[in-house]
Amino acid sequence: MTNVVIVGASGYSGQETLDRVLAHPGLEVAALGSDSLAGKPADTLDPRLQRLDLPDFVTNDQALETAADLVFCCLDHERAAALVPPPDTVVVDLTGAHRLGSAEDYADWYGFAHPSPEHLDEWCYALPELAPPTGPLVANPGCYATAVLLALAPIADAIHPGSVVVDAKSGVSGAGRALKATSHANAVLENVAPYRVGAHQHEPEIAQMLGFDVCFVPHLLPVRRGLLATCYVTPAEDGLRDRLEAAYATSSVVTILPDGAVPDLARVQGTDAAELAIFTHRATGRAIVICALDNLGKGAAGQAMQNANLALGLEETAGLRLSGVLV
C-alpha cells in the first residue's frame, strides 16, 4: 500500500481528495492535517467517517513530518508556496502556489511574493490528458484553467489567438469553505454575478500553456458544484473537431459529445469526468467549444488523483468517480 498524507484536509478540496483516497485500492491514509481540527477524530469532518479506521487529525506541520509516499497539499496558496517537499515523496499541490513559471507573477495574480522562486522550476504543471506529470512535484491545474485548456489546447494552433473569448461559470464551492460575504446564501441564491473580471488568477496559467492570452470572465452560479466554460474562437483552419477527437480518443475521463449534444452540468456534478462539445455559429462562422466538469472533481481532487496515479506509476483512473448514471 502507498501511504498518503493530506494537508489542509478539512477544506472542500481536502475532503474531496480524502474521498478519492478512500476509494483507491492501493492507497492508505497515514495522516490527516488540519490546524483547525487538530486533535479531533476524523468523523468531526464528516460523521460517515466514523465507520472507518482513520487517524485523528493533526496539525499540518505534524502531518508533513509523517513518513509517506504521497502528499496532497490542499492549503491556501501562500501557505502552500512555503511548503518544503519531503524527500523521496510525490507531492501534488492542489493550490496555485506552484502553477506559474515566473515568480514575479505571484505578486500580480495572487497578492504575495513567492518565498521559494528558486524552486519553482522543480514543479511540473500537469494536465494528465495533455501534459502528464514529469516528476514527483506536481502542480495541479486550477478548475477554470482545466476546463479552458481541455477545450482549447488541442486546437490552439488552428485558431486566431486574438479572437478567443471565454465565458465561464462555477458553483459556489469553488470559493472554498471559508466564509465570505460574496458566498453567503443571500448573495448567491437566485443570482448570477461575474467576479474578478479581467483579473482572475487562472488567466496566466491558461496563457502559459496556450502560448497566448485569452479574454476570460468567470461568473458565480447559485449551485453547490460544477463548472461550465464556453469558449468562442475564430478558426484559422478546418478540422477543429477532428483535433479534439484525436486528443481525447483514449481518455477515460474526457468525452467528446456527438454532434448536436451539449455538455450538461448535472451530468458531471459529483464526478471526475469532463464533457466537451464543439459547434459552429451559423452567422459568423465562429467556433464555440464548451467544456463541463465538476470544479471539485476534474477541477481539483479528481485531477489530483489522476496526477498522483501517473506520478506513482499506478492505474490512471484508480480512485476516480467515473462510472454510473446519475439522476
C-alpha atoms as a PDB file:
ATOM      1  CA  MET A   1       0.000   0.000   0.000  1.00  0.00           C
ATOM      2  CA  THR A   2       1.082   3.588  -0.688  1.00  0.00           C
ATOM      3  CA  ASN A   3       0.988   5.793   2.417  1.00  0.00           C
ATOM      4  CA  VAL A   4      -0.768   9.133   1.920  1.00  0.00           C
ATOM      5  CA  VAL A   5      -0.758  12.421   3.819  1.00  0.00           C
ATOM      6  CA  ILE A   6      -3.349  15.122   3.147  1.00  0.00           C
ATOM      7  CA  VAL A   7      -2.588  18.599   4.453  1.00  0.00           C
ATOM      8  CA  GLY A   8      -5.468  21.028   4.539  1.00  0.00           C
ATOM      9  CA  ALA A   9      -7.780  18.025   4.733  1.00  0.00           C
ATOM     10  CA  SER A  10     -10.690  19.920   6.280  1.00  0.00           C
ATOM     11  CA  GLY A  11     -11.311  22.190   3.274  1.00  0.00           C
ATOM     12  CA  TYR A  12     -13.519  21.277   0.326  1.00  0.00           C
ATOM     13  CA  SER A  13     -10.663  20.109  -1.881  1.00  0.00           C
ATOM     14  CA  GLY A  14      -9.079  18.258   1.047  1.00  0.00           C
ATOM     15  CA  GLN A  15     -12.302  16.445   1.875  1.00  0.00           C
ATOM     16  CA  GLU A  16     -12.856  15.531  -1.768  1.00  0.00           C
ATOM     17  CA  THR A  17      -9.268  14.296  -2.013  1.00  0.00           C
ATOM     18  CA  LEU A  18      -9.794  12.125   1.054  1.00  0.00           C
ATOM     19  CA  ASP A  19     -12.879  10.671  -0.635  1.00  0.00           C
ATOM     20  CA  ARG A  20     -10.767   9.593  -3.645  1.00  0.00           C
ATOM     21  CA  VAL A  21      -8.043   8.175  -1.412  1.00  0.00           C
ATOM     22  CA  LEU A  22     -10.629   6.067   0.433  1.00  0.00           C
ATOM     23  CA  ALA A  23     -11.909   4.718  -2.896  1.00  0.00           C
ATOM     24  CA  HIS A  24      -8.417   3.871  -4.126  1.00  0.00           C
ATOM     25  CA  PRO A  25      -7.390   0.207  -3.773  1.00  0.00           C
ATOM     26  CA  GLY A  26      -3.691   0.998  -3.425  1.00  0.00           C
ATOM     27  CA  LEU A  27      -3.642   3.972  -1.039  1.00  0.00           C
ATOM     28  CA  GLU A  28      -3.757   4.161   2.749  1.00  0.00           C
ATOM     29  CA  VAL A  29      -4.140   7.285   4.893  1.00  0.00           C
ATOM     30  CA  ALA A  30      -1.094   7.898   7.074  1.00  0.00           C
ATOM     31  CA  ALA A  31      -2.028  11.365   8.364  1.00  0.00           C
ATOM     32  CA  LEU A  32      -4.752  13.979   8.036  1.00  0.00           C
ATOM     33  CA  GLY A  33      -3.561  17.544   8.542  1.00  0.00           C
ATOM     34  CA  SER A  34      -5.810  20.375   9.689  1.00  0.00           C
ATOM     35  CA  ASP A  35      -4.810  23.170  12.028  1.00  0.00           C
ATOM     36  CA  SER A  36      -8.454  23.856  12.899  1.00  0.00           C
ATOM     37  CA  LEU A  37      -9.324  20.200  13.670  1.00  0.00           C
ATOM     38  CA  ALA A  38      -6.006  19.001  15.139  1.00  0.00           C
ATOM     39  CA  GLY A  39      -6.542  16.506  17.962  1.00  0.00           C
ATOM     40  CA  LYS A  40     -10.077  15.651  16.873  1.00  0.00           C
ATOM     41  CA  PRO A  41     -11.249  12.388  15.306  1.00  0.00           C
ATOM     42  CA  ALA A  42     -11.714  12.142  11.538  1.00  0.00           C
ATOM     43  CA  ASP A  43     -15.503  11.914  11.857  1.00  0.00           C
ATOM     44  CA  THR A  44     -15.518  15.509  13.131  1.00  0.00           C
ATOM     45  CA  LEU A  45     -15.225  16.405   9.456  1.00  0.00           C
ATOM     46  CA  ASP A  46     -17.998  14.059   8.360  1.00  0.00           C
ATOM     47  CA  PRO A  47     -19.958  11.594  10.569  1.00  0.00           C
ATOM     48  CA  ARG A  48     -19.776   8.993   7.798  1.00  0.00           C
ATOM     49  CA  LEU A  49     -16.064   8.605   8.521  1.00  0.00           C
ATOM     50  CA  GLN A  50     -16.904   7.064  11.902  1.00  0.00           C
ATOM     51  CA  ARG A  51     -17.173   3.642  10.258  1.00  0.00           C
ATOM     52  CA  LEU A  52     -13.594   3.816   9.004  1.00  0.00           C
ATOM     53  CA  ASP A  53     -10.306   3.258  10.784  1.00  0.00           C
ATOM     54  CA  LEU A  54      -8.762   6.662  10.151  1.00  0.00           C
ATOM     55  CA  PRO A  55      -6.173   8.536  12.216  1.00  0.00           C
ATOM     56  CA  ASP A  56      -7.162  11.599  14.225  1.00  0.00           C
ATOM     57  CA  PHE A  57      -6.401  14.998  12.747  1.00  0.00           C
ATOM     58  CA  VAL A  58      -3.004  16.506  13.495  1.00  0.00           C
ATOM     59  CA  THR A  59      -1.628  19.923  12.619  1.00  0.00           C
ATOM     60  CA  ASN A  60      -0.491  20.410   9.053  1.00  0.00           C
ATOM     61  CA  ASP A  61       3.136  20.633  10.167  1.00  0.00           C
ATOM     62  CA  GLN A  62       2.805  17.361  12.079  1.00  0.00           C
ATOM     63  CA  ALA A  63       1.205  15.716   9.066  1.00  0.00           C
ATOM     64  CA  LEU A  64       4.116  16.769   6.860  1.00  0.00           C
ATOM     65  CA  GLU A  65       6.510  15.136   9.324  1.00  0.00           C
ATOM     66  CA  THR A  66       4.711  11.801   8.883  1.00  0.00           C
ATOM     67  CA  ALA A  67       6.515   9.307   6.672  1.00  0.00           C
ATOM     68  CA  ALA A  68       4.571   8.917   3.439  1.00  0.00           C
ATOM     69  CA  ASP A  69       4.951   8.111  -0.245  1.00  0.00           C
ATOM     70  CA  LEU A  70       2.411  10.697  -1.400  1.00  0.00           C
ATOM     71  CA  VAL A  71       1.342  14.116  -0.109  1.00  0.00           C
ATOM     72  CA  PHE A  72      -1.707  16.027  -1.286  1.00  0.00           C
ATOM     73  CA  CYS A  73      -1.408  19.737  -0.481  1.00  0.00           C
ATOM     74  CA  CYS A  74      -4.778  21.461  -0.023  1.00  0.00           C
ATOM     75  CA  LEU A  75      -3.616  24.500   1.944  1.00  0.00           C
ATOM     76  CA  ASP A  76      -4.196  28.137   0.990  1.00  0.00           C
ATOM     77  CA  HIS A  77      -1.998  29.470  -1.811  1.00  0.00           C
ATOM     78  CA  GLU A  78       0.505  31.403   0.282  1.00  0.00           C
ATOM     79  CA  ARG A  79       0.930  28.674   2.881  1.00  0.00           C
ATOM     80  CA  ALA A  80       1.435  26.091   0.123  1.00  0.00           C
ATOM     81  CA  ALA A  81       4.091  28.278  -1.510  1.00  0.00           C
ATOM     82  CA  ALA A  82       6.204  27.895   1.638  1.00  0.00           C
ATOM     83  CA  LEU A  83       5.891  24.093   1.606  1.00  0.00           C
ATOM     84  CA  VAL A  84       9.178  22.197   1.789  1.00  0.00           C
ATOM     85  CA  PRO A  85       8.523  18.908  -0.027  1.00  0.00           C
ATOM     86  CA  PRO A  86       9.576  15.843   1.971  1.00  0.00           C
ATOM     87  CA  PRO A  87      12.409  13.946   0.243  1.00  0.00           C
ATOM     88  CA  ASP A  88      11.591  10.942  -1.930  1.00  0.00           C
ATOM     89  CA  THR A  89       7.888  11.796  -1.887  1.00  0.00           C
ATOM     90  CA  VAL A  90       5.382  12.564  -4.618  1.00  0.00           C
ATOM     91  CA  VAL A  91       3.677  15.856  -3.786  1.00  0.00           C
ATOM     92  CA  VAL A  92       0.548  17.006  -5.623  1.00  0.00           C
ATOM     93  CA  ASP A  93      -0.256  20.647  -4.888  1.00  0.00           C
ATOM     94  CA  LEU A  94      -3.929  21.492  -5.492  1.00  0.00           C
ATOM     95  CA  THR A  95      -3.318  25.201  -4.864  1.00  0.00           C
ATOM     96  CA  GLY A  96      -1.989  27.866  -7.195  1.00  0.00           C
ATOM     97  CA  ALA A  97       1.327  28.082  -5.348  1.00  0.00           C
ATOM     98  CA  HIS A  98       3.411  26.280  -7.994  1.00  0.00           C
ATOM     99  CA  ARG A  99       1.404  26.654 -11.208  1.00  0.00           C
ATOM    100  CA  LEU A 100       3.180  29.685 -12.641  1.00  0.00           C
ATOM    101  CA  GLY A 101       6.680  29.524 -14.059  1.00  0.00           C
ATOM    102  CA  SER A 102       7.551  33.132 -13.225  1.00  0.00           C
ATOM    103  CA  ALA A 103       7.870  34.078  -9.551  1.00  0.00           C
ATOM    104  CA  GLU A 104       7.098  37.724 -10.408  1.00  0.00           C
ATOM    105  CA  ASP A 105       3.581  36.732 -11.472  1.00  0.00           C
ATOM    106  CA  TYR A 106       2.604  35.748  -7.937  1.00  0.00           C
ATOM    107  CA  ALA A 107       2.563  39.308  -6.645  1.00  0.00           C
ATOM    108  CA  ASP A 108       0.376  40.374  -9.575  1.00  0.00           C
ATOM    109  CA  TRP A 109      -2.083  37.479  -9.600  1.00  0.00           C
ATOM    110  CA  TYR A 110      -2.025  36.008  -6.072  1.00  0.00           C
ATOM    111  CA  GLY A 111      -1.056  39.008  -3.964  1.00  0.00           C
ATOM    112  CA  PHE A 112       2.111  37.674  -2.341  1.00  0.00           C
ATOM    113  CA  ALA A 113       5.803  37.371  -3.123  1.00  0.00           C
ATOM    114  CA  HIS A 114       6.713  33.754  -3.731  1.00  0.00           C
ATOM    115  CA  PRO A 115       9.026  32.577  -0.908  1.00  0.00           C
ATOM    116  CA  SER A 116      10.863  29.951  -2.997  1.00  0.00           C
ATOM    117  CA  PRO A 117      11.297  31.289  -6.534  1.00  0.00           C
ATOM    118  CA  GLU A 118      14.465  29.264  -6.991  1.00  0.00           C
ATOM    119  CA  HIS A 119      12.490  26.018  -6.671  1.00  0.00           C
ATOM    120  CA  LEU A 120       9.565  26.798  -8.997  1.00  0.00           C
ATOM    121  CA  ASP A 121      11.198  25.017 -11.931  1.00  0.00           C
ATOM    122  CA  GLU A 122      11.230  21.791  -9.889  1.00  0.00           C
ATOM    123  CA  TRP A 123       7.425  21.623 -10.151  1.00  0.00           C
ATOM    124  CA  CYS A 124       5.667  20.341 -13.268  1.00  0.00           C
ATOM    125  CA  TYR A 125       2.313  21.768 -14.312  1.00  0.00           C
ATOM    126  CA  ALA A 126       0.354  18.617 -15.109  1.00  0.00           C
ATOM    127  CA  LEU A 127      -2.919  18.297 -17.002  1.00  0.00           C
ATOM    128  CA  PRO A 128      -2.993  14.497 -17.427  1.00  0.00           C
ATOM    129  CA  GLU A 129      -4.599  14.261 -20.874  1.00  0.00           C
ATOM    130  CA  LEU A 130      -2.350  16.901 -22.433  1.00  0.00           C
ATOM    131  CA  ALA A 131       0.718  17.297 -20.199  1.00  0.00           C
ATOM    132  CA  PRO A 132       1.204  14.353 -17.803  1.00  0.00           C
ATOM    133  CA  PRO A 133       3.474  14.821 -14.759  1.00  0.00           C
ATOM    134  CA  THR A 134       7.174  14.613 -15.479  1.00  0.00           C
ATOM    135  CA  GLY A 135       8.468  14.450 -11.902  1.00  0.00           C
ATOM    136  CA  PRO A 136       7.464  13.926  -8.272  1.00  0.00           C
ATOM    137  CA  LEU A 137       6.458  17.559  -7.601  1.00  0.00           C
ATOM    138  CA  VAL A 138       3.168  18.218  -9.356  1.00  0.00           C
ATOM    139  CA  ALA A 139       1.245  21.486  -9.682  1.00  0.00           C
ATOM    140  CA  ASN A 140      -2.413  20.602 -10.191  1.00  0.00           C
ATOM    141  CA  PRO A 141      -4.205  22.985 -12.602  1.00  0.00           C
ATOM    142  CA  GLY A 142      -6.978  25.302 -11.445  1.00  0.00           C
ATOM    143  CA  CYS A 143     -10.592  24.382 -12.141  1.00  0.00           C
ATOM    144  CA  TYR A 144     -11.292  27.111 -14.701  1.00  0.00           C
ATOM    145  CA  ALA A 145      -7.914  26.565 -16.332  1.00  0.00           C
ATOM    146  CA  THR A 146      -8.629  22.844 -16.654  1.00  0.00           C
ATOM    147  CA  ALA A 147     -11.910  23.426 -18.485  1.00  0.00           C
ATOM    148  CA  VAL A 148     -10.491  26.103 -20.789  1.00  0.00           C
ATOM    149  CA  LEU A 149      -7.323  24.149 -21.599  1.00  0.00           C
ATOM    150  CA  LEU A 150      -9.220  20.928 -22.295  1.00  0.00           C
ATOM    151  CA  ALA A 151     -11.351  22.913 -24.747  1.00  0.00           C
ATOM    152  CA  LEU A 152      -8.633  24.976 -26.419  1.00  0.00           C
ATOM    153  CA  ALA A 153      -5.174  23.402 -26.069  1.00  0.00           C
ATOM    154  CA  PRO A 154      -5.700  20.747 -28.789  1.00  0.00           C
ATOM    155  CA  ILE A 155      -6.816  23.444 -31.255  1.00  0.00           C
ATOM    156  CA  ALA A 156      -4.566  26.313 -30.127  1.00  0.00           C
ATOM    157  CA  ASP A 157      -2.516  26.417 -33.324  1.00  0.00           C
ATOM    158  CA  ALA A 158      -5.616  26.242 -35.542  1.00  0.00           C
ATOM    159  CA  ILE A 159      -7.434  29.336 -34.214  1.00  0.00           C
ATOM    160  CA  HIS A 160      -6.771  33.077 -34.227  1.00  0.00           C
ATOM    161  CA  PRO A 161      -5.428  33.865 -30.722  1.00  0.00           C
ATOM    162  CA  GLY A 162      -6.857  37.378 -30.568  1.00  0.00           C
ATOM    163  CA  SER A 163     -10.342  36.064 -31.199  1.00  0.00           C
ATOM    164  CA  VAL A 164     -10.683  33.938 -28.057  1.00  0.00           C
ATOM    165  CA  VAL A 165     -13.359  34.895 -25.524  1.00  0.00           C
ATOM    166  CA  VAL A 166     -14.202  32.593 -22.605  1.00  0.00           C
ATOM    167  CA  ASP A 167     -17.417  32.896 -20.606  1.00  0.00           C
ATOM    168  CA  ALA A 168     -17.138  30.583 -17.585  1.00  0.00           C
ATOM    169  CA  LYS A 169     -19.450  29.818 -14.671  1.00  0.00           C
ATOM    170  CA  SER A 170     -18.807  27.849 -11.488  1.00  0.00           C
ATOM    171  CA  GLY A 171     -20.614  26.660  -8.385  1.00  0.00           C
ATOM    172  CA  VAL A 172     -20.056  28.349  -5.033  1.00  0.00           C
ATOM    173  CA  SER A 173     -17.807  25.587  -3.679  1.00  0.00           C
ATOM    174  CA  GLY A 174     -15.092  27.000  -5.923  1.00  0.00           C
ATOM    175  CA  ALA A 175     -14.754  29.822  -3.397  1.00  0.00           C
ATOM    176  CA  GLY A 176     -13.705  27.379  -0.677  1.00  0.00           C
ATOM    177  CA  ARG A 177     -15.126  26.560   2.738  1.00  0.00           C
ATOM    178  CA  ALA A 178     -14.045  29.796   4.459  1.00  0.00           C
ATOM    179  CA  LEU A 179     -16.874  32.269   4.980  1.00  0.00           C
ATOM    180  CA  LYS A 180     -17.011  35.230   2.619  1.00  0.00           C
ATOM    181  CA  ALA A 181     -19.699  37.851   2.126  1.00  0.00           C
ATOM    182  CA  THR A 182     -19.842  37.048  -1.590  1.00  0.00           C
ATOM    183  CA  SER A 183     -20.535  33.355  -0.916  1.00  0.00           C
ATOM    184  CA  HIS A 184     -23.312  33.820   1.638  1.00  0.00           C
ATOM    185  CA  ALA A 185     -26.648  32.357   0.554  1.00  0.00           C
ATOM    186  CA  ASN A 186     -28.173  35.837   0.347  1.00  0.00           C
ATOM    187  CA  ALA A 187     -25.571  36.867  -2.232  1.00  0.00           C
ATOM    188  CA  VAL A 188     -25.635  33.641  -4.245  1.00  0.00           C
ATOM    189  CA  LEU A 189     -29.177  32.261  -4.393  1.00  0.00           C
ATOM    190  CA  GLU A 190     -31.339  33.460  -7.296  1.00  0.00           C
ATOM    191  CA  ASN A 191     -28.377  35.372  -8.647  1.00  0.00           C
ATOM    192  CA  VAL A 192     -25.582  35.093 -11.212  1.00  0.00           C
ATOM    193  CA  ALA A 193     -22.682  37.516 -10.890  1.00  0.00           C
ATOM    194  CA  PRO A 194     -19.339  37.967 -12.644  1.00  0.00           C
ATOM    195  CA  TYR A 195     -16.281  38.390 -10.447  1.00  0.00           C
ATOM    196  CA  ARG A 196     -12.565  39.169 -10.792  1.00  0.00           C
ATOM    197  CA  VAL A 197     -13.356  40.437 -14.263  1.00  0.00           C
ATOM    198  CA  GLY A 198     -10.127  40.793 -16.226  1.00  0.00           C
ATOM    199  CA  ALA A 199      -8.033  39.791 -13.221  1.00  0.00           C
ATOM    200  CA  HIS A 200      -8.683  36.134 -12.358  1.00  0.00           C
ATOM    201  CA  GLN A 201      -5.648  34.176 -11.160  1.00  0.00           C
ATOM    202  CA  HIS A 202      -6.276  31.297 -13.569  1.00  0.00           C
ATOM    203  CA  GLU A 203      -5.631  33.538 -16.582  1.00  0.00           C
ATOM    204  CA  PRO A 204      -1.804  33.344 -16.533  1.00  0.00           C
ATOM    205  CA  GLU A 205      -1.759  29.545 -16.301  1.00  0.00           C
ATOM    206  CA  ILE A 206      -4.122  29.362 -19.274  1.00  0.00           C
ATOM    207  CA  ALA A 207      -1.853  31.688 -21.245  1.00  0.00           C
ATOM    208  CA  GLN A 208       1.228  29.789 -20.090  1.00  0.00           C
ATOM    209  CA  MET A 209       0.012  26.561 -21.715  1.00  0.00           C
ATOM    210  CA  LEU A 210      -1.740  28.013 -24.775  1.00  0.00           C
ATOM    211  CA  GLY A 211       1.027  30.456 -25.622  1.00  0.00           C
ATOM    212  CA  PHE A 212      -1.334  33.443 -25.781  1.00  0.00           C
ATOM    213  CA  ASP A 213      -3.732  35.396 -23.559  1.00  0.00           C
ATOM    214  CA  VAL A 214      -7.486  34.922 -23.679  1.00  0.00           C
ATOM    215  CA  CYS A 215     -10.320  37.227 -22.695  1.00  0.00           C
ATOM    216  CA  PHE A 216     -11.713  35.342 -19.691  1.00  0.00           C
ATOM    217  CA  VAL A 217     -14.686  36.262 -17.486  1.00  0.00           C
ATOM    218  CA  PRO A 218     -15.817  33.986 -14.614  1.00  0.00           C
ATOM    219  CA  HIS A 219     -19.277  34.012 -13.027  1.00  0.00           C
ATOM    220  CA  LEU A 220     -20.675  32.573  -9.816  1.00  0.00           C
ATOM    221  CA  LEU A 221     -23.645  30.227 -10.176  1.00  0.00           C
ATOM    222  CA  PRO A 222     -26.244  29.557  -7.441  1.00  0.00           C
ATOM    223  CA  VAL A 223     -25.301  25.847  -7.307  1.00  0.00           C
ATOM    224  CA  ARG A 224     -23.021  23.908  -4.963  1.00  0.00           C
ATOM    225  CA  ARG A 225     -20.653  22.478  -7.542  1.00  0.00           C
ATOM    226  CA  GLY A 226     -19.969  22.223 -11.248  1.00  0.00           C
ATOM    227  CA  LEU A 227     -18.316  24.415 -13.881  1.00  0.00           C
ATOM    228  CA  LEU A 228     -19.134  25.297 -17.471  1.00  0.00           C
ATOM    229  CA  ALA A 229     -16.742  27.126 -19.815  1.00  0.00           C
ATOM    230  CA  THR A 230     -17.987  28.399 -23.177  1.00  0.00           C
ATOM    231  CA  CYS A 231     -15.112  29.360 -25.472  1.00  0.00           C
ATOM    232  CA  TYR A 232     -15.703  31.483 -28.593  1.00  0.00           C
ATOM    233  CA  VAL A 233     -12.931  31.309 -31.215  1.00  0.00           C
ATOM    234  CA  THR A 234     -12.324  32.161 -34.855  1.00  0.00           C
ATOM    235  CA  PRO A 235     -10.886  29.153 -36.741  1.00  0.00           C
ATOM    236  CA  ALA A 236      -7.715  29.627 -38.769  1.00  0.00           C
ATOM    237  CA  GLU A 237      -8.273  26.292 -40.494  1.00  0.00           C
ATOM    238  CA  ASP A 238     -10.784  23.465 -40.717  1.00  0.00           C
ATOM    239  CA  GLY A 239     -10.831  20.282 -38.675  1.00  0.00           C
ATOM    240  CA  LEU A 240     -11.195  21.569 -35.116  1.00  0.00           C
ATOM    241  CA  ARG A 241     -13.469  18.710 -34.128  1.00  0.00           C
ATOM    242  CA  ASP A 242     -11.015  16.175 -35.565  1.00  0.00           C
ATOM    243  CA  ARG A 243      -8.255  17.660 -33.399  1.00  0.00           C
ATOM    244  CA  LEU A 244     -10.364  17.404 -30.249  1.00  0.00           C
ATOM    245  CA  GLU A 245     -11.408  13.832 -31.003  1.00  0.00           C
ATOM    246  CA  ALA A 246      -7.799  12.811 -31.631  1.00  0.00           C
ATOM    247  CA  ALA A 247      -6.603  14.444 -28.409  1.00  0.00           C
ATOM    248  CA  TYR A 248      -9.062  12.506 -26.238  1.00  0.00           C
ATOM    249  CA  ALA A 249      -9.530   9.322 -28.245  1.00  0.00           C
ATOM    250  CA  THR A 250      -8.044   7.144 -25.495  1.00  0.00           C
ATOM    251  CA  SER A 251      -9.193   9.161 -22.484  1.00  0.00           C
ATOM    252  CA  SER A 252     -11.369   7.550 -19.825  1.00  0.00           C
ATOM    253  CA  VAL A 253     -12.074  10.965 -18.302  1.00  0.00           C
ATOM    254  CA  VAL A 254     -12.811  13.390 -21.163  1.00  0.00           C
ATOM    255  CA  THR A 255     -15.723  12.699 -23.510  1.00  0.00           C
ATOM    256  CA  ILE A 256     -16.290  14.454 -26.848  1.00  0.00           C
ATOM    257  CA  LEU A 257     -20.052  14.519 -27.224  1.00  0.00           C
ATOM    258  CA  PRO A 258     -21.768  13.619 -30.523  1.00  0.00           C
ATOM    259  CA  ASP A 259     -22.747  16.381 -32.937  1.00  0.00           C
ATOM    260  CA  GLY A 260     -25.624  18.421 -31.523  1.00  0.00           C
ATOM    261  CA  ALA A 261     -25.290  17.170 -27.926  1.00  0.00           C
ATOM    262  CA  VAL A 262     -24.468  19.814 -25.314  1.00  0.00           C
ATOM    263  CA  PRO A 263     -22.356  19.480 -22.138  1.00  0.00           C
ATOM    264  CA  ASP A 264     -24.557  19.312 -19.063  1.00  0.00           C
ATOM    265  CA  LEU A 265     -23.585  20.496 -15.590  1.00  0.00           C
ATOM    266  CA  ALA A 266     -25.829  17.941 -13.887  1.00  0.00           C
ATOM    267  CA  ARG A 267     -24.127  15.014 -15.633  1.00  0.00           C
ATOM    268  CA  VAL A 268     -20.666  15.935 -14.376  1.00  0.00           C
ATOM    269  CA  GLN A 269     -21.540  17.113 -10.868  1.00  0.00           C
ATOM    270  CA  GLY A 270     -20.083  14.754  -8.282  1.00  0.00           C
ATOM    271  CA  THR A 271     -17.862  13.045 -10.872  1.00  0.00           C
ATOM    272  CA  ASP A 272     -14.277  13.324 -12.098  1.00  0.00           C
ATOM    273  CA  ALA A 273     -15.307  13.368 -15.762  1.00  0.00           C
ATOM    274  CA  ALA A 274     -15.370  16.192 -18.301  1.00  0.00           C
ATOM    275  CA  GLU A 275     -17.638  16.698 -21.300  1.00  0.00           C
ATOM    276  CA  LEU A 276     -16.670  18.626 -24.438  1.00  0.00           C
ATOM    277  CA  ALA A 277     -18.677  19.724 -27.451  1.00  0.00           C
ATOM    278  CA  ILE A 278     -17.961  21.934 -30.443  1.00  0.00           C
ATOM    279  CA  PHE A 279     -20.384  23.935 -32.570  1.00  0.00           C
ATOM    280  CA  THR A 280     -20.212  26.366 -35.484  1.00  0.00           C
ATOM    281  CA  HIS A 281     -22.029  29.672 -35.217  1.00  0.00           C
ATOM    282  CA  ARG A 282     -24.044  29.830 -38.420  1.00  0.00           C
ATOM    283  CA  ALA A 283     -23.997  33.612 -38.957  1.00  0.00           C
ATOM    284  CA  THR A 284     -20.337  34.355 -38.182  1.00  0.00           C
ATOM    285  CA  GLY A 285     -18.534  31.066 -38.764  1.00  0.00           C
ATOM    286  CA  ARG A 286     -17.004  31.239 -35.311  1.00  0.00           C
ATOM    287  CA  ALA A 287     -16.441  28.003 -33.419  1.00  0.00           C
ATOM    288  CA  ILE A 288     -17.914  27.505 -29.949  1.00  0.00           C
ATOM    289  CA  VAL A 289     -16.172  24.943 -27.735  1.00  0.00           C
ATOM    290  CA  ILE A 290     -17.907  24.091 -24.456  1.00  0.00           C
ATOM    291  CA  CYS A 291     -16.487  22.142 -21.521  1.00  0.00           C
ATOM    292  CA  ALA A 292     -18.379  20.990 -18.432  1.00  0.00           C
ATOM    293  CA  LEU A 293     -16.729  19.474 -15.364  1.00  0.00           C
ATOM    294  CA  ASP A 294     -17.050  19.411 -11.596  1.00  0.00           C
ATOM    295  CA  ASN A 295     -14.860  22.096 -10.038  1.00  0.00           C
ATOM    296  CA  LEU A 296     -14.133  19.817  -7.052  1.00  0.00           C
ATOM    297  CA  GLY A 297     -13.741  16.700  -9.233  1.00  0.00           C
ATOM    298  CA  LYS A 298     -11.847  17.022 -12.513  1.00  0.00           C
ATOM    299  CA  GLY A 299     -11.197  20.640 -11.485  1.00  0.00           C
ATOM    300  CA  ALA A 300      -9.455  19.668  -8.233  1.00  0.00           C
ATOM    301  CA  ALA A 301      -9.412  16.353  -6.327  1.00  0.00           C
ATOM    302  CA  GLY A 302     -10.128  14.017  -9.243  1.00  0.00           C
ATOM    303  CA  GLN A 303      -7.390  15.542 -11.338  1.00  0.00           C
ATOM    304  CA  ALA A 304      -5.022  15.472  -8.354  1.00  0.00           C
ATOM    305  CA  MET A 305      -5.658  11.750  -8.011  1.00  0.00           C
ATOM    306  CA  GLN A 306      -5.061  11.259 -11.754  1.00  0.00           C
ATOM    307  CA  ASN A 307      -1.750  13.070 -11.450  1.00  0.00           C
ATOM    308  CA  ALA A 308      -0.764  11.110  -8.343  1.00  0.00           C
ATOM    309  CA  ASN A 309      -1.525   7.824 -10.074  1.00  0.00           C
ATOM    310  CA  LEU A 310       0.587   8.775 -13.080  1.00  0.00           C
ATOM    311  CA  ALA A 311       3.465  10.032 -10.948  1.00  0.00           C
ATOM    312  CA  LEU A 312       3.460   6.796  -8.940  1.00  0.00           C
ATOM    313  CA  GLY A 313       3.050   4.505 -11.948  1.00  0.00           C
ATOM    314  CA  LEU A 314      -0.431   3.349 -10.859  1.00  0.00           C
ATOM    315  CA  GLU A 315      -3.594   2.891 -12.915  1.00  0.00           C
ATOM    316  CA  GLU A 316      -4.555   6.417 -14.006  1.00  0.00           C
ATOM    317  CA  THR A 317      -8.241   6.159 -13.101  1.00  0.00           C
ATOM    318  CA  ALA A 318      -7.881   4.315  -9.770  1.00  0.00           C
ATOM    319  CA  GLY A 319      -9.954   6.033  -7.082  1.00  0.00           C
ATOM    320  CA  LEU A 320     -11.852   8.238  -9.553  1.00  0.00           C
ATOM    321  CA  ARG A 321     -15.622   8.660  -9.841  1.00  0.00           C
ATOM    322  CA  LEU A 322     -16.286   7.890 -13.500  1.00  0.00           C
ATOM    323  CA  SER A 323     -18.903   5.172 -13.761  1.00  0.00           C
ATOM    324  CA  GLY A 324     -22.620   5.199 -13.128  1.00  0.00           C
ATOM    325  CA  VAL A 325     -25.567   7.156 -14.456  1.00  0.00           C
ATOM    326  CA  LEU A 326     -26.525   9.939 -12.086  1.00  0.00           C
ATOM    327  CA  VAL A 327     -30.047  11.342 -11.948  1.00  0.00           C
END
